[in-house]
Amino acid sequence: MTRTVLIGAPIDSGQRRPGCLMGPSAYRVAGIAQAIRDLGHGVEDWGDVALPALRDVACANPAVDQLAETVGWTEVLADKVEDALADGAMPVILGGDHSLALGTVAGAAAHARRAGRPLFLLWLDAHSDFHTPLTTTSGNLHGTPVAYIAGREGFEAFPPFPAPIPADRICLYGIRSVDPAEHAALLKHDIAINDMRVLDEQGIVAPLRAFLHRVREAGGLLHVSLDVDFLDPSIAPAVGTTVPGGTTFREAHLVMELLHESGLVTSLDLVELNPFLDERGRTARLMVDLVGSLMGKKVFDRPTRSFA
């Protein structure tokens, strides 16, 4: 049995389309706690984190939006995730846009450093999120977490990342939208990039199993960051950054089942759910269903369901 802790992260500051702050409530309404409990796991809901008093921070790039708020969320989430892991629980962070990973992975990294174990990152996303505050042209900081986690420069306004994750411990999986500047930066790092072309050619299973094998061999902790746009928008419309060609229902559940079977996942982000864009809770319920697979539910356990 796994003891899980739900942490709400009502964050909209990483991008400019309102709605992600309603994500934690949508997950709760969709029954995430009961879905985990039904599988025999313990569940505690620690409620939503609150934005602390903002500090004066600055960035040389005038395009950067809501920097002080994002730094504040980063600090409070890092502390909360570190607390949950130190308490022996698996934190499940209910987002909130993907800028929340600036804090959640920092908290996981701080815990891993204290535990003397390497931290690995599985990034399930349509985007590489490898910009820095200095390179972003949109100014949306939800496009920067992987760069922060990997130790790129340009994050002086943020707390120093506890222990940057070496590139060979980061796996970008399902990627299909990378701009030229990010691509050029990624080529300078040895990050495993399993884009949809790789997954189409090699299949869903082989690249993931290879990465999980590295985690297991190293005795590592594994943080998984699941973005709604990892899924094809035809099955998950509630996201402001839709990119065609994402994973199907079956593929996504297979990924989650493989993660469950590995027994390696120690912390999980659920990000970019915008309930305002959803269809009768369809995306929220699918994401909860995927968490069920990660916690041990099998696809053939699912009853027929209607959205009428």
C-alpha atoms as a PDB file:
ATOM      1  CA  MET A   1       0.000   0.000   0.000  1.00  0.00           C
ATOM      2  CA  THR A   2       1.214   3.500  -0.853  1.00  0.00           C
ATOM      3  CA  ARG A   3       0.476   6.460   1.373  1.00  0.00           C
ATOM      4  CA  THR A   4      -0.401   9.344  -0.916  1.00  0.00           C
ATOM      5  CA  VAL A   5      -0.728  13.021  -0.124  1.00  0.00           C
ATOM      6  CA  LEU A   6      -2.791  15.324  -2.339  1.00  0.00           C
ATOM      7  CA  ILE A   7      -1.423  18.859  -2.637  1.00  0.00           C
ATOM      8  CA  GLY A   8      -3.495  21.431  -4.499  1.00  0.00           C
ATOM      9  CA  ALA A   9      -1.559  23.976  -6.554  1.00  0.00           C
ATOM     10  CA  PRO A  10      -4.067  26.565  -7.888  1.00  0.00           C
ATOM     11  CA  ILE A  11      -1.547  28.247 -10.164  1.00  0.00           C
ATOM     12  CA  ASP A  12      -2.232  30.409 -13.214  1.00  0.00           C
ATOM     13  CA  SER A  13       0.908  32.546 -13.166  1.00  0.00           C
ATOM     14  CA  GLY A  14       2.949  30.492 -15.633  1.00  0.00           C
ATOM     15  CA  GLN A  15       0.798  31.456 -18.620  1.00  0.00           C
ATOM     16  CA  ARG A  16      -1.859  33.955 -19.595  1.00  0.00           C
ATOM     17  CA  ARG A  17      -5.003  31.891 -20.177  1.00  0.00           C
ATOM     18  CA  PRO A  18      -7.099  31.862 -16.985  1.00  0.00           C
ATOM     19  CA  GLY A  19      -8.550  28.637 -15.681  1.00  0.00           C
ATOM     20  CA  CYS A  20      -5.771  26.330 -14.469  1.00  0.00           C
ATOM     21  CA  LEU A  21      -6.231  27.631 -10.944  1.00  0.00           C
ATOM     22  CA  MET A  22      -9.510  25.665 -10.898  1.00  0.00           C
ATOM     23  CA  GLY A  23      -7.644  22.415 -11.583  1.00  0.00           C
ATOM     24  CA  PRO A  24      -7.290  21.201  -7.981  1.00  0.00           C
ATOM     25  CA  SER A  25     -11.035  21.545  -7.379  1.00  0.00           C
ATOM     26  CA  ALA A  26     -11.811  19.713 -10.620  1.00  0.00           C
ATOM     27  CA  TYR A  27      -9.623  16.775  -9.632  1.00  0.00           C
ATOM     28  CA  ARG A  28     -11.311  16.566  -6.267  1.00  0.00           C
ATOM     29  CA  VAL A  29     -14.783  16.724  -7.808  1.00  0.00           C
ATOM     30  CA  ALA A  30     -13.730  14.020 -10.294  1.00  0.00           C
ATOM     31  CA  GLY A  31     -13.039  11.756  -7.334  1.00  0.00           C
ATOM     32  CA  ILE A  32      -9.266  11.471  -7.240  1.00  0.00           C
ATOM     33  CA  ALA A  33      -9.090  10.681  -3.525  1.00  0.00           C
ATOM     34  CA  GLN A  34     -11.699   7.930  -3.744  1.00  0.00           C
ATOM     35  CA  ALA A  35     -10.119   6.487  -6.899  1.00  0.00           C
ATOM     36  CA  ILE A  36      -6.807   6.058  -5.066  1.00  0.00           C
ATOM     37  CA  ARG A  37      -8.501   4.822  -1.888  1.00  0.00           C
ATOM     38  CA  ASP A  38     -10.491   2.211  -3.817  1.00  0.00           C
ATOM     39  CA  LEU A  39      -7.197   0.641  -4.878  1.00  0.00           C
ATOM     40  CA  GLY A  40      -6.207   0.081  -1.276  1.00  0.00           C
ATOM     41  CA  HIS A  41      -3.895   3.052  -0.810  1.00  0.00           C
ATOM     42  CA  GLY A  42      -3.942   5.627   1.947  1.00  0.00           C
ATOM     43  CA  VAL A  43      -4.940   9.161   0.955  1.00  0.00           C
ATOM     44  CA  GLU A  44      -4.519  12.424   2.814  1.00  0.00           C
ATOM     45  CA  ASP A  45      -5.564  15.758   1.348  1.00  0.00           C
ATOM     46  CA  TRP A  46      -3.315  18.547   2.548  1.00  0.00           C
ATOM     47  CA  GLY A  47      -5.498  21.164   0.844  1.00  0.00           C
ATOM     48  CA  ASP A  48      -4.262  23.896  -1.472  1.00  0.00           C
ATOM     49  CA  VAL A  49      -0.996  25.741  -1.007  1.00  0.00           C
ATOM     50  CA  ALA A  50      -1.314  29.507  -0.674  1.00  0.00           C
ATOM     51  CA  LEU A  51       0.825  32.128  -2.362  1.00  0.00           C
ATOM     52  CA  PRO A  52       3.237  33.624   0.188  1.00  0.00           C
ATOM     53  CA  ALA A  53       4.111  37.304   0.459  1.00  0.00           C
ATOM     54  CA  LEU A  54       5.771  38.300  -2.794  1.00  0.00           C
ATOM     55  CA  ARG A  55       9.397  39.364  -2.940  1.00  0.00           C
ATOM     56  CA  ASP A  56      10.838  42.002  -5.233  1.00  0.00           C
ATOM     57  CA  VAL A  57      12.413  40.099  -8.096  1.00  0.00           C
ATOM     58  CA  ALA A  58      13.578  41.161 -11.528  1.00  0.00           C
ATOM     59  CA  CYS A  59      14.549  39.696 -14.880  1.00  0.00           C
ATOM     60  CA  ALA A  60      16.443  41.300 -17.749  1.00  0.00           C
ATOM     61  CA  ASN A  61      13.885  39.950 -20.216  1.00  0.00           C
ATOM     62  CA  PRO A  62      10.937  42.384 -20.312  1.00  0.00           C
ATOM     63  CA  ALA A  63       8.660  39.720 -21.814  1.00  0.00           C
ATOM     64  CA  VAL A  64       8.638  37.649 -18.617  1.00  0.00           C
ATOM     65  CA  ASP A  65       5.177  37.606 -17.059  1.00  0.00           C
ATOM     66  CA  GLN A  66       4.186  37.219 -13.379  1.00  0.00           C
ATOM     67  CA  LEU A  67       7.720  36.498 -12.199  1.00  0.00           C
ATOM     68  CA  ALA A  68       7.190  37.335  -8.517  1.00  0.00           C
ATOM     69  CA  GLU A  69       4.109  35.128  -8.295  1.00  0.00           C
ATOM     70  CA  THR A  70       5.868  32.206  -9.971  1.00  0.00           C
ATOM     71  CA  VAL A  71       8.861  32.519  -7.652  1.00  0.00           C
ATOM     72  CA  GLY A  72       6.489  32.531  -4.669  1.00  0.00           C
ATOM     73  CA  TRP A  73       4.696  29.397  -5.826  1.00  0.00           C
ATOM     74  CA  THR A  74       8.056  27.734  -6.468  1.00  0.00           C
ATOM     75  CA  GLU A  75       9.229  28.342  -2.922  1.00  0.00           C
ATOM     76  CA  VAL A  76       6.066  27.165  -1.178  1.00  0.00           C
ATOM     77  CA  LEU A  77       5.653  24.057  -3.342  1.00  0.00           C
ATOM     78  CA  ALA A  78       9.273  23.019  -2.903  1.00  0.00           C
ATOM     79  CA  ASP A  79       8.806  23.076   0.871  1.00  0.00           C
ATOM     80  CA  LYS A  80       5.478  21.215   0.740  1.00  0.00           C
ATOM     81  CA  VAL A  81       6.734  18.420  -1.546  1.00  0.00           C
ATOM     82  CA  GLU A  82       9.909  17.997   0.472  1.00  0.00           C
ATOM     83  CA  ASP A  83       7.798  17.743   3.644  1.00  0.00           C
ATOM     84  CA  ALA A  84       5.564  15.049   2.107  1.00  0.00           C
ATOM     85  CA  LEU A  85       8.492  12.957   0.909  1.00  0.00           C
ATOM     86  CA  ALA A  86      10.308  13.302   4.212  1.00  0.00           C
ATOM     87  CA  ASP A  87       7.128  12.076   5.905  1.00  0.00           C
ATOM     88  CA  GLY A  88       7.267   8.892   3.849  1.00  0.00           C
ATOM     89  CA  ALA A  89       4.377   9.796   1.535  1.00  0.00           C
ATOM     90  CA  MET A  90       4.006  10.019  -2.231  1.00  0.00           C
ATOM     91  CA  PRO A  91       2.919  13.584  -3.065  1.00  0.00           C
ATOM     92  CA  VAL A  92       0.415  13.995  -5.895  1.00  0.00           C
ATOM     93  CA  ILE A  93       0.325  17.645  -6.907  1.00  0.00           C
ATOM     94  CA  LEU A  94      -2.955  18.824  -8.394  1.00  0.00           C
ATOM     95  CA  GLY A  95      -2.296  21.710 -10.777  1.00  0.00           C
ATOM     96  CA  GLY A  96      -2.238  24.343 -11.863  1.00  0.00           C
ATOM     97  CA  ASP A  97      -0.081  25.179 -14.883  1.00  0.00           C
ATOM     98  CA  HIS A  98       3.275  23.519 -15.502  1.00  0.00           C
ATOM     99  CA  SER A  99       5.278  26.265 -13.818  1.00  0.00           C
ATOM    100  CA  LEU A 100       4.409  24.415 -10.609  1.00  0.00           C
ATOM    101  CA  ALA A 101       7.117  21.876 -11.509  1.00  0.00           C
ATOM    102  CA  LEU A 102       9.718  24.548 -10.788  1.00  0.00           C
ATOM    103  CA  GLY A 103       8.816  23.974  -7.144  1.00  0.00           C
ATOM    104  CA  THR A 104       7.701  20.360  -7.020  1.00  0.00           C
ATOM    105  CA  VAL A 105      10.832  18.948  -8.621  1.00  0.00           C
ATOM    106  CA  ALA A 106      12.987  21.247  -6.479  1.00  0.00           C
ATOM    107  CA  GLY A 107      11.337  19.754  -3.400  1.00  0.00           C
ATOM    108  CA  ALA A 108      11.883  16.227  -4.693  1.00  0.00           C
ATOM    109  CA  ALA A 109      15.518  17.056  -5.473  1.00  0.00           C
ATOM    110  CA  ALA A 110      16.112  18.427  -1.974  1.00  0.00           C
ATOM    111  CA  HIS A 111      14.686  15.242  -0.475  1.00  0.00           C
ATOM    112  CA  ALA A 112      16.723  13.004  -2.808  1.00  0.00           C
ATOM    113  CA  ARG A 113      19.920  14.851  -1.915  1.00  0.00           C
ATOM    114  CA  ARG A 114      19.285  14.360   1.802  1.00  0.00           C
ATOM    115  CA  ALA A 115      18.424  10.698   1.223  1.00  0.00           C
ATOM    116  CA  GLY A 116      21.617  10.198  -0.772  1.00  0.00           C
ATOM    117  CA  ARG A 117      19.740   8.886  -3.801  1.00  0.00           C
ATOM    118  CA  PRO A 118      19.676  10.151  -7.406  1.00  0.00           C
ATOM    119  CA  LEU A 119      16.499  11.800  -8.671  1.00  0.00           C
ATOM    120  CA  PHE A 120      15.181  11.023 -12.155  1.00  0.00           C
ATOM    121  CA  LEU A 121      12.532  12.982 -14.075  1.00  0.00           C
ATOM    122  CA  LEU A 122       9.961  11.639 -16.547  1.00  0.00           C
ATOM    123  CA  TRP A 123       8.382  14.565 -18.419  1.00  0.00           C
ATOM    124  CA  LEU A 124       5.118  13.503 -20.099  1.00  0.00           C
ATOM    125  CA  ASP A 125       4.333  16.525 -22.215  1.00  0.00           C
ATOM    126  CA  ALA A 126       3.878  17.833 -25.744  1.00  0.00           C
ATOM    127  CA  HIS A 127       6.506  20.490 -25.012  1.00  0.00           C
ATOM    128  CA  SER A 128      10.110  20.330 -23.852  1.00  0.00           C
ATOM    129  CA  ASP A 129       9.750  23.378 -21.536  1.00  0.00           C
ATOM    130  CA  PHE A 130      13.474  24.066 -21.934  1.00  0.00           C
ATOM    131  CA  HIS A 131      13.410  27.849 -22.172  1.00  0.00           C
ATOM    132  CA  THR A 132      14.915  30.040 -19.478  1.00  0.00           C
ATOM    133  CA  PRO A 133      13.531  33.382 -18.280  1.00  0.00           C
ATOM    134  CA  LEU A 134      16.154  34.984 -20.514  1.00  0.00           C
ATOM    135  CA  THR A 135      15.332  33.047 -23.692  1.00  0.00           C
ATOM    136  CA  THR A 136      11.542  32.915 -23.591  1.00  0.00           C
ATOM    137  CA  THR A 137       9.842  35.175 -26.120  1.00  0.00           C
ATOM    138  CA  SER A 138       6.311  34.512 -24.893  1.00  0.00           C
ATOM    139  CA  GLY A 139       7.269  35.326 -21.309  1.00  0.00           C
ATOM    140  CA  ASN A 140       5.211  32.365 -20.087  1.00  0.00           C
ATOM    141  CA  LEU A 141       7.188  30.682 -17.339  1.00  0.00           C
ATOM    142  CA  HIS A 142       5.372  27.343 -17.671  1.00  0.00           C
ATOM    143  CA  GLY A 143       7.820  26.818 -20.543  1.00  0.00           C
ATOM    144  CA  THR A 144      10.911  26.897 -18.296  1.00  0.00           C
ATOM    145  CA  PRO A 145      10.853  24.117 -15.655  1.00  0.00           C
ATOM    146  CA  VAL A 146      13.067  21.543 -17.383  1.00  0.00           C
ATOM    147  CA  ALA A 147      15.749  24.175 -17.964  1.00  0.00           C
ATOM    148  CA  TYR A 148      15.665  25.091 -14.257  1.00  0.00           C
ATOM    149  CA  ILE A 149      15.786  21.438 -13.243  1.00  0.00           C
ATOM    150  CA  ALA A 150      18.729  20.745 -15.581  1.00  0.00           C
ATOM    151  CA  GLY A 151      20.730  23.675 -14.201  1.00  0.00           C
ATOM    152  CA  ARG A 152      20.597  26.129 -17.117  1.00  0.00           C
ATOM    153  CA  GLU A 153      21.521  29.735 -16.381  1.00  0.00           C
ATOM    154  CA  GLY A 154      19.014  32.583 -16.212  1.00  0.00           C
ATOM    155  CA  PHE A 155      17.101  31.637 -13.051  1.00  0.00           C
ATOM    156  CA  GLU A 156      18.766  34.110 -10.695  1.00  0.00           C
ATOM    157  CA  ALA A 157      15.371  35.301  -9.420  1.00  0.00           C
ATOM    158  CA  PHE A 158      14.543  31.779  -8.259  1.00  0.00           C
ATOM    159  CA  PRO A 159      15.961  29.845  -5.312  1.00  0.00           C
ATOM    160  CA  PRO A 160      19.045  27.892  -6.408  1.00  0.00           C
ATOM    161  CA  PHE A 161      17.911  24.454  -7.562  1.00  0.00           C
ATOM    162  CA  PRO A 162      18.956  22.017  -4.800  1.00  0.00           C
ATOM    163  CA  ALA A 163      20.869  19.612  -7.050  1.00  0.00           C
ATOM    164  CA  PRO A 164      20.417  20.027 -10.813  1.00  0.00           C
ATOM    165  CA  ILE A 165      19.421  16.737 -12.417  1.00  0.00           C
ATOM    166  CA  PRO A 166      22.035  15.488 -14.888  1.00  0.00           C
ATOM    167  CA  ALA A 167      20.739  15.295 -18.435  1.00  0.00           C
ATOM    168  CA  ASP A 168      20.973  11.506 -18.568  1.00  0.00           C
ATOM    169  CA  ARG A 169      18.457  11.290 -15.718  1.00  0.00           C
ATOM    170  CA  ILE A 170      15.818  13.311 -17.594  1.00  0.00           C
ATOM    171  CA  CYS A 171      13.434  11.726 -20.102  1.00  0.00           C
ATOM    172  CA  LEU A 172      11.204  13.901 -22.276  1.00  0.00           C
ATOM    173  CA  TYR A 173       8.448  11.592 -23.484  1.00  0.00           C
ATOM    174  CA  GLY A 174       5.703  12.359 -25.996  1.00  0.00           C
ATOM    175  CA  ILE A 175       7.306  15.619 -27.135  1.00  0.00           C
ATOM    176  CA  ARG A 176       5.955  17.124 -30.348  1.00  0.00           C
ATOM    177  CA  SER A 177       6.262  20.918 -30.052  1.00  0.00           C
ATOM    178  CA  VAL A 178       9.766  22.368 -29.638  1.00  0.00           C
ATOM    179  CA  ASP A 179      10.763  25.774 -30.937  1.00  0.00           C
ATOM    180  CA  PRO A 180      14.173  26.376 -32.604  1.00  0.00           C
ATOM    181  CA  ALA A 181      15.828  27.989 -29.564  1.00  0.00           C
ATOM    182  CA  GLU A 182      14.820  25.120 -27.297  1.00  0.00           C
ATOM    183  CA  HIS A 183      15.936  22.575 -29.869  1.00  0.00           C
ATOM    184  CA  ALA A 184      19.364  24.181 -30.150  1.00  0.00           C
ATOM    185  CA  ALA A 185      19.735  24.178 -26.363  1.00  0.00           C
ATOM    186  CA  LEU A 186      18.612  20.574 -26.057  1.00  0.00           C
ATOM    187  CA  LEU A 187      21.266  19.499 -28.554  1.00  0.00           C
ATOM    188  CA  LYS A 188      23.892  20.729 -26.074  1.00  0.00           C
ATOM    189  CA  HIS A 189      22.545  18.413 -23.390  1.00  0.00           C
ATOM    190  CA  ASP A 190      22.263  14.640 -23.292  1.00  0.00           C
ATOM    191  CA  ILE A 191      18.571  14.592 -22.375  1.00  0.00           C
ATOM    192  CA  ALA A 192      16.626  11.599 -23.700  1.00  0.00           C
ATOM    193  CA  ILE A 193      14.101  13.045 -26.152  1.00  0.00           C
ATOM    194  CA  ASN A 194      11.422  10.509 -26.973  1.00  0.00           C
ATOM    195  CA  ASP A 195       9.248  12.557 -29.285  1.00  0.00           C
ATOM    196  CA  MET A 196       6.197  11.160 -31.044  1.00  0.00           C
ATOM    197  CA  ARG A 197       8.363  10.164 -34.030  1.00  0.00           C
ATOM    198  CA  VAL A 198      10.462   7.966 -31.737  1.00  0.00           C
ATOM    199  CA  LEU A 199       7.359   6.499 -30.120  1.00  0.00           C
ATOM    200  CA  ASP A 200       5.771   5.834 -33.513  1.00  0.00           C
ATOM    201  CA  GLU A 201       8.888   4.032 -34.720  1.00  0.00           C
ATOM    202  CA  GLN A 202       9.903   2.173 -31.547  1.00  0.00           C
ATOM    203  CA  GLY A 203       6.544   1.848 -29.825  1.00  0.00           C
ATOM    204  CA  ILE A 204       5.388   3.187 -26.494  1.00  0.00           C
ATOM    205  CA  VAL A 205       7.007   0.475 -24.367  1.00  0.00           C
ATOM    206  CA  ALA A 206      10.686   0.142 -25.323  1.00  0.00           C
ATOM    207  CA  PRO A 207      11.886   3.737 -24.661  1.00  0.00           C
ATOM    208  CA  LEU A 208      10.038   3.903 -21.353  1.00  0.00           C
ATOM    209  CA  ARG A 209      11.318   0.535 -20.152  1.00  0.00           C
ATOM    210  CA  ALA A 210      14.863   1.574 -21.045  1.00  0.00           C
ATOM    211  CA  PHE A 211      14.554   4.717 -18.932  1.00  0.00           C
ATOM    212  CA  LEU A 212      12.940   2.864 -16.029  1.00  0.00           C
ATOM    213  CA  HIS A 213      15.769   0.326 -16.160  1.00  0.00           C
ATOM    214  CA  ARG A 214      18.265   3.172 -15.628  1.00  0.00           C
ATOM    215  CA  VAL A 215      16.258   4.451 -12.660  1.00  0.00           C
ATOM    216  CA  ARG A 216      16.158   0.989 -11.094  1.00  0.00           C
ATOM    217  CA  GLU A 217      19.864   0.275 -11.692  1.00  0.00           C
ATOM    218  CA  ALA A 218      20.795   3.575 -10.018  1.00  0.00           C
ATOM    219  CA  GLY A 219      18.474   3.025  -7.041  1.00  0.00           C
ATOM    220  CA  GLY A 220      16.836   6.311  -7.968  1.00  0.00           C
ATOM    221  CA  LEU A 221      13.733   8.215  -6.999  1.00  0.00           C
ATOM    222  CA  LEU A 222      11.394   9.055  -9.888  1.00  0.00           C
ATOM    223  CA  HIS A 223       9.343  12.220 -10.263  1.00  0.00           C
ATOM    224  CA  VAL A 224       6.694  12.049 -12.996  1.00  0.00           C
ATOM    225  CA  SER A 225       5.234  15.257 -14.414  1.00  0.00           C
ATOM    226  CA  LEU A 226       2.069  14.588 -16.425  1.00  0.00           C
ATOM    227  CA  ASP A 227       0.758  17.404 -18.609  1.00  0.00           C
ATOM    228  CA  VAL A 228      -2.764  17.177 -20.032  1.00  0.00           C
ATOM    229  CA  ASP A 229      -1.339  17.940 -23.482  1.00  0.00           C
ATOM    230  CA  PHE A 230       0.637  14.676 -23.348  1.00  0.00           C
ATOM    231  CA  LEU A 231      -2.752  13.290 -24.404  1.00  0.00           C
ATOM    232  CA  ASP A 232      -4.295  13.855 -27.799  1.00  0.00           C
ATOM    233  CA  PRO A 233      -6.723  16.812 -27.636  1.00  0.00           C
ATOM    234  CA  SER A 234      -9.461  14.637 -29.094  1.00  0.00           C
ATOM    235  CA  ILE A 235      -9.658  12.824 -25.749  1.00  0.00           C
ATOM    236  CA  ALA A 236      -8.407  15.611 -23.454  1.00  0.00           C
ATOM    237  CA  PRO A 237      -9.678  19.024 -24.615  1.00  0.00           C
ATOM    238  CA  ALA A 238      -9.260  20.891 -21.314  1.00  0.00           C
ATOM    239  CA  VAL A 239      -5.867  22.448 -21.972  1.00  0.00           C
ATOM    240  CA  GLY A 240      -4.836  25.810 -23.373  1.00  0.00           C
ATOM    241  CA  THR A 241      -1.835  24.405 -25.295  1.00  0.00           C
ATOM    242  CA  THR A 242      -3.367  21.695 -27.481  1.00  0.00           C
ATOM    243  CA  VAL A 243      -1.017  19.996 -29.935  1.00  0.00           C
ATOM    244  CA  PRO A 244      -2.422  17.346 -32.317  1.00  0.00           C
ATOM    245  CA  GLY A 245      -0.880  13.904 -32.411  1.00  0.00           C
ATOM    246  CA  GLY A 246      -0.716  13.105 -28.715  1.00  0.00           C
ATOM    247  CA  THR A 247      -1.022   9.755 -27.007  1.00  0.00           C
ATOM    248  CA  THR A 248      -4.258   7.823 -27.286  1.00  0.00           C
ATOM    249  CA  PHE A 249      -6.352   6.527 -24.394  1.00  0.00           C
ATOM    250  CA  ARG A 250      -4.758   3.091 -24.685  1.00  0.00           C
ATOM    251  CA  GLU A 251      -1.203   4.392 -25.007  1.00  0.00           C
ATOM    252  CA  ALA A 252      -1.538   6.699 -22.007  1.00  0.00           C
ATOM    253  CA  HIS A 253      -2.951   3.951 -19.833  1.00  0.00           C
ATOM    254  CA  LEU A 254      -0.168   1.619 -20.916  1.00  0.00           C
ATOM    255  CA  VAL A 255       2.404   4.193 -19.822  1.00  0.00           C
ATOM    256  CA  MET A 256       0.718   4.479 -16.434  1.00  0.00           C
ATOM    257  CA  GLU A 257       0.479   0.705 -16.000  1.00  0.00           C
ATOM    258  CA  LEU A 258       4.171   0.313 -16.811  1.00  0.00           C
ATOM    259  CA  LEU A 259       4.991   2.976 -14.239  1.00  0.00           C
ATOM    260  CA  HIS A 260       2.915   1.141 -11.649  1.00  0.00           C
ATOM    261  CA  GLU A 261       4.589  -2.181 -12.416  1.00  0.00           C
ATOM    262  CA  SER A 262       8.011  -0.559 -12.052  1.00  0.00           C
ATOM    263  CA  GLY A 263       7.274   0.493  -8.468  1.00  0.00           C
ATOM    264  CA  LEU A 264       9.633   3.428  -8.963  1.00  0.00           C
ATOM    265  CA  VAL A 265       7.390   6.520  -8.930  1.00  0.00           C
ATOM    266  CA  THR A 266       7.862   8.594  -5.775  1.00  0.00           C
ATOM    267  CA  SER A 267       6.105  11.859  -6.701  1.00  0.00           C
ATOM    268  CA  LEU A 268       3.637  12.989  -9.361  1.00  0.00           C
ATOM    269  CA  ASP A 269       2.481  16.260 -10.954  1.00  0.00           C
ATOM    270  CA  LEU A 270      -0.871  16.638 -12.725  1.00  0.00           C
ATOM    271  CA  VAL A 271      -0.688  19.871 -14.684  1.00  0.00           C
ATOM    272  CA  GLU A 272      -2.324  22.211 -17.199  1.00  0.00           C
ATOM    273  CA  LEU A 273      -5.918  21.073 -16.595  1.00  0.00           C
ATOM    274  CA  ASN A 274      -8.167  24.035 -17.405  1.00  0.00           C
ATOM    275  CA  PRO A 275     -11.708  23.038 -16.357  1.00  0.00           C
ATOM    276  CA  PHE A 276     -13.135  26.067 -18.162  1.00  0.00           C
ATOM    277  CA  LEU A 277     -12.168  24.375 -21.447  1.00  0.00           C
ATOM    278  CA  ASP A 278     -13.430  20.916 -20.489  1.00  0.00           C
ATOM    279  CA  GLU A 279     -16.475  19.015 -21.741  1.00  0.00           C
ATOM    280  CA  ARG A 280     -18.587  17.959 -18.726  1.00  0.00           C
ATOM    281  CA  GLY A 281     -15.486  17.060 -16.763  1.00  0.00           C
ATOM    282  CA  ARG A 282     -14.248  14.681 -19.433  1.00  0.00           C
ATOM    283  CA  THR A 283     -10.556  15.562 -19.163  1.00  0.00           C
ATOM    284  CA  ALA A 284     -10.536  15.711 -15.376  1.00  0.00           C
ATOM    285  CA  ARG A 285     -12.061  12.254 -15.174  1.00  0.00           C
ATOM    286  CA  LEU A 286      -9.580  10.872 -17.697  1.00  0.00           C
ATOM    287  CA  MET A 287      -6.657  12.256 -15.719  1.00  0.00           C
ATOM    288  CA  VAL A 288      -8.061  10.691 -12.539  1.00  0.00           C
ATOM    289  CA  ASP A 289      -8.454   7.440 -14.464  1.00  0.00           C
ATOM    290  CA  LEU A 290      -4.779   7.624 -15.451  1.00  0.00           C
ATOM    291  CA  VAL A 291      -3.794   8.135 -11.835  1.00  0.00           C
ATOM    292  CA  GLY A 292      -5.792   4.988 -11.121  1.00  0.00           C
ATOM    293  CA  SER A 293      -3.648   3.086 -13.617  1.00  0.00           C
ATOM    294  CA  LEU A 294      -0.501   4.483 -12.017  1.00  0.00           C
ATOM    295  CA  MET A 295      -1.764   3.230  -8.656  1.00  0.00           C
ATOM    296  CA  GLY A 296      -2.581  -0.274  -9.886  1.00  0.00           C
ATOM    297  CA  LYS A 297      -5.863  -0.299 -11.780  1.00  0.00           C
ATOM    298  CA  LYS A 298      -5.947  -2.282 -15.047  1.00  0.00           C
ATOM    299  CA  VAL A 299      -7.616  -1.112 -18.255  1.00  0.00           C
ATOM    300  CA  PHE A 300      -9.895  -4.158 -18.325  1.00  0.00           C
ATOM    301  CA  ASP A 301     -11.257  -3.148 -14.892  1.00  0.00           C
ATOM    302  CA  ARG A 302     -13.027  -0.148 -16.398  1.00  0.00           C
ATOM    303  CA  PRO A 303     -16.800  -0.253 -16.923  1.00  0.00           C
ATOM    304  CA  THR A 304     -18.551   1.115 -19.985  1.00  0.00           C
ATOM    305  CA  ARG A 305     -19.242   4.793 -19.448  1.00  0.00           C
ATOM    306  CA  SER A 306     -21.340   7.428 -21.174  1.00  0.00           C
ATOM    307  CA  PHE A 307     -20.804  11.176 -21.286  1.00  0.00           C
ATOM    308  CA  ALA A 308     -24.429  11.828 -22.256  1.00  0.00           C
END
